[in-house]
């Protein structure tokens, strides 16, 4: 479980780095040097054994031309996906020892999976849900734009790093 969090945090860094690299003046020279041409496709396997092809150059050129649009899209979709993936894995283990940081993660996961808003019904939060000055109470029910208004990207990464370290400490006690 802790390893999953570490891998996902590193993938986030790779994605952010790619956006930074696309903003560099001679970025396409690198692809030319690697032997990619304007017709290169990124192949993604389908279940039926065929592949979905995405035009590499066209896609990169579009992202490069509109980085100010793509940056926030990347942040929200990546962090929301990360929170949902980690939250689902934690859920399979009953959120381990239900520390306040893990409870905060649980509510952030739920908000990420449900329109980026807190849905705190039936007495939620039942347990303390807080980390580094971020805390959730029943008054937060309906609060929208959880990612980036309630909590920032770096704060999510800090929380996940803390949870990763905590799970490494308790590793082996939960199965």
C-alpha atoms as a PDB file:
ATOM      1  CA  UNK A   1       0.000   0.000   0.000  1.00  0.00           C
ATOM      2  CA  UNK A   2       2.741   2.482   0.911  1.00  0.00           C
ATOM      3  CA  UNK A   3       4.555   1.488  -2.275  1.00  0.00           C
ATOM      4  CA  UNK A   4       1.479   2.344  -4.345  1.00  0.00           C
ATOM      5  CA  UNK A   5       1.391   5.842  -2.875  1.00  0.00           C
ATOM      6  CA  UNK A   6       5.095   6.335  -3.601  1.00  0.00           C
ATOM      7  CA  UNK A   7       4.707   5.166  -7.200  1.00  0.00           C
ATOM      8  CA  UNK A   8       1.716   7.441  -7.826  1.00  0.00           C
ATOM      9  CA  UNK A   9       3.464  10.459  -6.308  1.00  0.00           C
ATOM     10  CA  UNK A  10       6.437   9.825  -8.605  1.00  0.00           C
ATOM     11  CA  UNK A  11       4.168   9.504 -11.658  1.00  0.00           C
ATOM     12  CA  UNK A  12       2.661  12.865 -10.747  1.00  0.00           C
ATOM     13  CA  UNK A  13       6.169  14.370 -10.768  1.00  0.00           C
ATOM     14  CA  UNK A  14       6.841  12.808 -14.192  1.00  0.00           C
ATOM     15  CA  UNK A  15       3.639  14.346 -15.584  1.00  0.00           C
ATOM     16  CA  UNK A  16       4.420  17.773 -14.151  1.00  0.00           C
ATOM     17  CA  UNK A  17       7.952  17.504 -15.548  1.00  0.00           C
ATOM     18  CA  UNK A  18       6.560  16.711 -18.998  1.00  0.00           C
ATOM     19  CA  UNK A  19       4.494  19.901 -18.926  1.00  0.00           C
ATOM     20  CA  UNK A  20       7.593  21.880 -17.927  1.00  0.00           C
ATOM     21  CA  UNK A  21       9.607  20.280 -20.736  1.00  0.00           C
ATOM     22  CA  UNK A  22       6.910  21.081 -23.302  1.00  0.00           C
ATOM     23  CA  UNK A  23       7.335  24.743 -22.406  1.00  0.00           C
ATOM     24  CA  UNK A  24      11.008  24.677 -23.475  1.00  0.00           C
ATOM     25  CA  UNK A  25      11.936  26.339 -26.776  1.00  0.00           C
ATOM     26  CA  UNK A  26      13.431  23.405 -28.712  1.00  0.00           C
ATOM     27  CA  UNK A  27      11.349  20.601 -27.259  1.00  0.00           C
ATOM     28  CA  UNK A  28      10.393  19.115 -30.621  1.00  0.00           C
ATOM     29  CA  UNK A  29      14.077  18.853 -31.590  1.00  0.00           C
ATOM     30  CA  UNK A  30      14.379  16.187 -28.881  1.00  0.00           C
ATOM     31  CA  UNK A  31      11.643  14.086 -30.502  1.00  0.00           C
ATOM     32  CA  UNK A  32      13.288  14.541 -33.901  1.00  0.00           C
ATOM     33  CA  UNK A  33      16.614  13.382 -32.415  1.00  0.00           C
ATOM     34  CA  UNK A  34      14.873  10.288 -31.030  1.00  0.00           C
ATOM     35  CA  UNK A  35      13.572   9.418 -34.486  1.00  0.00           C
ATOM     36  CA  UNK A  36       9.910  10.377 -34.063  1.00  0.00           C
ATOM     37  CA  UNK A  37       8.333  12.094 -37.022  1.00  0.00           C
ATOM     38  CA  UNK A  38       5.166  14.142 -37.439  1.00  0.00           C
ATOM     39  CA  UNK A  39       3.157  10.954 -38.080  1.00  0.00           C
ATOM     40  CA  UNK A  40       4.245   9.115 -34.910  1.00  0.00           C
ATOM     41  CA  UNK A  41       1.403   7.590 -32.889  1.00  0.00           C
ATOM     42  CA  UNK A  42       1.152   6.749 -29.219  1.00  0.00           C
ATOM     43  CA  UNK A  43      -0.406   3.271 -29.108  1.00  0.00           C
ATOM     44  CA  UNK A  44      -2.659   2.296 -26.229  1.00  0.00           C
ATOM     45  CA  UNK A  45      -3.868  -1.336 -26.127  1.00  0.00           C
ATOM     46  CA  UNK A  46      -7.567  -2.129 -26.199  1.00  0.00           C
ATOM     47  CA  UNK A  47      -9.078  -5.244 -24.631  1.00  0.00           C
ATOM     48  CA  UNK A  48      -9.763  -6.757 -28.046  1.00  0.00           C
ATOM     49  CA  UNK A  49      -6.025  -6.813 -28.855  1.00  0.00           C
ATOM     50  CA  UNK A  50      -6.073  -3.806 -31.173  1.00  0.00           C
ATOM     51  CA  UNK A  51      -4.676  -0.409 -30.238  1.00  0.00           C
ATOM     52  CA  UNK A  52      -5.995   3.096 -29.983  1.00  0.00           C
ATOM     53  CA  UNK A  53      -3.594   5.482 -31.724  1.00  0.00           C
ATOM     54  CA  UNK A  54      -3.119   9.073 -30.627  1.00  0.00           C
ATOM     55  CA  UNK A  55      -1.126  11.387 -32.898  1.00  0.00           C
ATOM     56  CA  UNK A  56       1.943  12.260 -30.838  1.00  0.00           C
ATOM     57  CA  UNK A  57       3.081  15.498 -32.526  1.00  0.00           C
ATOM     58  CA  UNK A  58      -0.409  16.922 -32.961  1.00  0.00           C
ATOM     59  CA  UNK A  59      -1.206  16.253 -29.305  1.00  0.00           C
ATOM     60  CA  UNK A  60       2.075  17.682 -28.040  1.00  0.00           C
ATOM     61  CA  UNK A  61       1.712  20.764 -30.216  1.00  0.00           C
ATOM     62  CA  UNK A  62      -1.801  21.380 -28.903  1.00  0.00           C
ATOM     63  CA  UNK A  63      -0.714  20.987 -25.285  1.00  0.00           C
ATOM     64  CA  UNK A  64       2.302  23.227 -25.871  1.00  0.00           C
ATOM     65  CA  UNK A  65       0.133  25.927 -27.469  1.00  0.00           C
ATOM     66  CA  UNK A  66      -2.359  25.864 -24.574  1.00  0.00           C
ATOM     67  CA  UNK A  67      -0.305  25.036 -21.475  1.00  0.00           C
ATOM     68  CA  UNK A  68      -2.297  27.508 -19.377  1.00  0.00           C
ATOM     69  CA  UNK A  69      -5.414  25.414 -20.075  1.00  0.00           C
ATOM     70  CA  UNK A  70      -3.785  22.016 -19.766  1.00  0.00           C
ATOM     71  CA  UNK A  71      -1.877  22.725 -16.537  1.00  0.00           C
ATOM     72  CA  UNK A  72      -4.964  23.020 -14.308  1.00  0.00           C
ATOM     73  CA  UNK A  73      -6.650  20.112 -16.132  1.00  0.00           C
ATOM     74  CA  UNK A  74      -3.615  17.950 -15.436  1.00  0.00           C
ATOM     75  CA  UNK A  75      -3.475  18.987 -11.770  1.00  0.00           C
ATOM     76  CA  UNK A  76      -7.137  18.280 -11.048  1.00  0.00           C
ATOM     77  CA  UNK A  77      -7.480  15.050 -12.997  1.00  0.00           C
ATOM     78  CA  UNK A  78      -4.199  13.606 -11.787  1.00  0.00           C
ATOM     79  CA  UNK A  79      -4.659  14.497  -8.126  1.00  0.00           C
ATOM     80  CA  UNK A  80      -8.308  13.389  -8.144  1.00  0.00           C
ATOM     81  CA  UNK A  81      -7.301  10.079  -9.732  1.00  0.00           C
ATOM     82  CA  UNK A  82      -4.482   9.683  -7.254  1.00  0.00           C
ATOM     83  CA  UNK A  83      -6.806  10.328  -4.293  1.00  0.00           C
ATOM     84  CA  UNK A  84      -9.440   7.921  -5.635  1.00  0.00           C
ATOM     85  CA  UNK A  85      -6.861   5.178  -6.289  1.00  0.00           C
ATOM     86  CA  UNK A  86      -5.173   5.530  -2.894  1.00  0.00           C
ATOM     87  CA  UNK A  87      -8.511   5.942  -1.107  1.00  0.00           C
ATOM     88  CA  UNK A  88      -9.915   2.817  -2.734  1.00  0.00           C
ATOM     89  CA  UNK A  89      -6.832   0.828  -1.714  1.00  0.00           C
ATOM     90  CA  UNK A  90      -7.077   2.151   1.849  1.00  0.00           C
ATOM     91  CA  UNK A  91     -10.786   1.341   1.918  1.00  0.00           C
ATOM     92  CA  UNK A  92      -9.984  -2.322   1.259  1.00  0.00           C
ATOM     93  CA  UNK A  93      -8.110  -2.228   4.565  1.00  0.00           C
ATOM     94  CA  UNK A  94     -10.712  -0.250   6.522  1.00  0.00           C
ATOM     95  CA  UNK A  95      -8.450   2.810   6.373  1.00  0.00           C
ATOM     96  CA  UNK A  96      -6.065   0.918   8.645  1.00  0.00           C
ATOM     97  CA  UNK A  97      -5.976   2.642  12.045  1.00  0.00           C
ATOM     98  CA  UNK A  98      -8.235   5.575  11.018  1.00  0.00           C
ATOM     99  CA  UNK A  99      -5.764   8.309  12.015  1.00  0.00           C
ATOM    100  CA  UNK A 100      -6.958  11.886  11.400  1.00  0.00           C
ATOM    101  CA  UNK A 101      -4.771  12.081   8.258  1.00  0.00           C
ATOM    102  CA  UNK A 102      -6.293   8.868   6.880  1.00  0.00           C
ATOM    103  CA  UNK A 103      -9.779  10.191   7.645  1.00  0.00           C
ATOM    104  CA  UNK A 104      -8.960  13.405   5.783  1.00  0.00           C
ATOM    105  CA  UNK A 105      -7.733  11.284   2.877  1.00  0.00           C
ATOM    106  CA  UNK A 106     -11.028   9.357   2.944  1.00  0.00           C
ATOM    107  CA  UNK A 107     -13.094  12.533   2.637  1.00  0.00           C
ATOM    108  CA  UNK A 108     -10.808  13.982  -0.052  1.00  0.00           C
ATOM    109  CA  UNK A 109     -11.175  10.711  -1.975  1.00  0.00           C
ATOM    110  CA  UNK A 110     -14.949  10.928  -1.731  1.00  0.00           C
ATOM    111  CA  UNK A 111     -14.969  14.566  -2.841  1.00  0.00           C
ATOM    112  CA  UNK A 112     -12.662  13.733  -5.767  1.00  0.00           C
ATOM    113  CA  UNK A 113     -14.926  10.932  -6.907  1.00  0.00           C
ATOM    114  CA  UNK A 114     -18.107  12.960  -6.520  1.00  0.00           C
ATOM    115  CA  UNK A 115     -17.768  16.212  -8.394  1.00  0.00           C
ATOM    116  CA  UNK A 116     -14.968  17.747  -6.295  1.00  0.00           C
ATOM    117  CA  UNK A 117     -17.399  18.551  -3.456  1.00  0.00           C
ATOM    118  CA  UNK A 118     -17.804  17.358   0.120  1.00  0.00           C
ATOM    119  CA  UNK A 119     -20.892  15.213   0.695  1.00  0.00           C
ATOM    120  CA  UNK A 120     -21.004  14.890   4.480  1.00  0.00           C
ATOM    121  CA  UNK A 121     -24.253  13.176   5.413  1.00  0.00           C
ATOM    122  CA  UNK A 122     -25.293  10.766   8.173  1.00  0.00           C
ATOM    123  CA  UNK A 123     -23.156  12.355  10.868  1.00  0.00           C
ATOM    124  CA  UNK A 124     -19.974  12.635   8.808  1.00  0.00           C
ATOM    125  CA  UNK A 125     -17.284  13.174   9.641  1.00  0.00           C
ATOM    126  CA  UNK A 126     -17.650  10.638  12.425  1.00  0.00           C
ATOM    127  CA  UNK A 127     -13.954  10.706  13.277  1.00  0.00           C
ATOM    128  CA  UNK A 128     -11.460  13.569  13.343  1.00  0.00           C
ATOM    129  CA  UNK A 129     -10.367  14.325   9.786  1.00  0.00           C
ATOM    130  CA  UNK A 130      -7.401  16.685   9.821  1.00  0.00           C
ATOM    131  CA  UNK A 131      -3.814  17.211   8.781  1.00  0.00           C
ATOM    132  CA  UNK A 132      -1.525  20.262   8.981  1.00  0.00           C
ATOM    133  CA  UNK A 133      -4.286  22.790   9.569  1.00  0.00           C
ATOM    134  CA  UNK A 134      -6.751  21.209   7.149  1.00  0.00           C
ATOM    135  CA  UNK A 135      -9.789  19.846   8.919  1.00  0.00           C
ATOM    136  CA  UNK A 136     -13.241  18.805   7.875  1.00  0.00           C
ATOM    137  CA  UNK A 137     -16.410  19.317   9.868  1.00  0.00           C
ATOM    138  CA  UNK A 138     -20.081  18.834   9.106  1.00  0.00           C
ATOM    139  CA  UNK A 139     -20.202  22.545   8.190  1.00  0.00           C
ATOM    140  CA  UNK A 140     -18.177  21.646   5.067  1.00  0.00           C
ATOM    141  CA  UNK A 141     -21.085  19.650   3.603  1.00  0.00           C
ATOM    142  CA  UNK A 142     -21.677  20.812   0.026  1.00  0.00           C
ATOM    143  CA  UNK A 143     -18.419  22.724  -0.173  1.00  0.00           C
ATOM    144  CA  UNK A 144     -17.409  22.700  -3.823  1.00  0.00           C
ATOM    145  CA  UNK A 145     -14.026  22.980  -5.508  1.00  0.00           C
ATOM    146  CA  UNK A 146     -12.357  20.953  -2.773  1.00  0.00           C
ATOM    147  CA  UNK A 147      -9.165  20.526  -4.780  1.00  0.00           C
ATOM    148  CA  UNK A 148      -7.474  23.944  -5.054  1.00  0.00           C
ATOM    149  CA  UNK A 149      -9.898  25.925  -2.918  1.00  0.00           C
ATOM    150  CA  UNK A 150      -9.986  23.835   0.255  1.00  0.00           C
ATOM    151  CA  UNK A 151      -6.614  22.112  -0.283  1.00  0.00           C
ATOM    152  CA  UNK A 152      -3.791  22.752  -2.742  1.00  0.00           C
ATOM    153  CA  UNK A 153      -1.824  20.344  -4.928  1.00  0.00           C
ATOM    154  CA  UNK A 154       1.281  20.506  -2.730  1.00  0.00           C
ATOM    155  CA  UNK A 155      -0.867  19.944   0.353  1.00  0.00           C
ATOM    156  CA  UNK A 156      -2.327  16.786  -1.189  1.00  0.00           C
ATOM    157  CA  UNK A 157       1.193  15.552  -1.956  1.00  0.00           C
ATOM    158  CA  UNK A 158       2.272  16.337   1.638  1.00  0.00           C
ATOM    159  CA  UNK A 159      -0.723  14.426   2.985  1.00  0.00           C
ATOM    160  CA  UNK A 160       0.015  11.446   0.754  1.00  0.00           C
ATOM    161  CA  UNK A 161       3.666  11.477   1.771  1.00  0.00           C
ATOM    162  CA  UNK A 162       2.607  11.481   5.427  1.00  0.00           C
ATOM    163  CA  UNK A 163       0.158   8.634   4.837  1.00  0.00           C
ATOM    164  CA  UNK A 164       2.828   6.694   2.926  1.00  0.00           C
ATOM    165  CA  UNK A 165       5.268   7.058   5.835  1.00  0.00           C
ATOM    166  CA  UNK A 166       2.584   6.140   8.362  1.00  0.00           C
ATOM    167  CA  UNK A 167       1.641   3.015   6.420  1.00  0.00           C
ATOM    168  CA  UNK A 168       5.299   1.987   6.180  1.00  0.00           C
ATOM    169  CA  UNK A 169       5.461   2.227   9.985  1.00  0.00           C
ATOM    170  CA  UNK A 170       2.435  -0.016  10.469  1.00  0.00           C
ATOM    171  CA  UNK A 171       3.199  -2.315   7.506  1.00  0.00           C
ATOM    172  CA  UNK A 172       2.753  -5.937   8.377  1.00  0.00           C
ATOM    173  CA  UNK A 173       0.161  -5.336  11.093  1.00  0.00           C
ATOM    174  CA  UNK A 174      -2.698  -5.132   8.582  1.00  0.00           C
ATOM    175  CA  UNK A 175      -3.554  -7.584   5.882  1.00  0.00           C
END
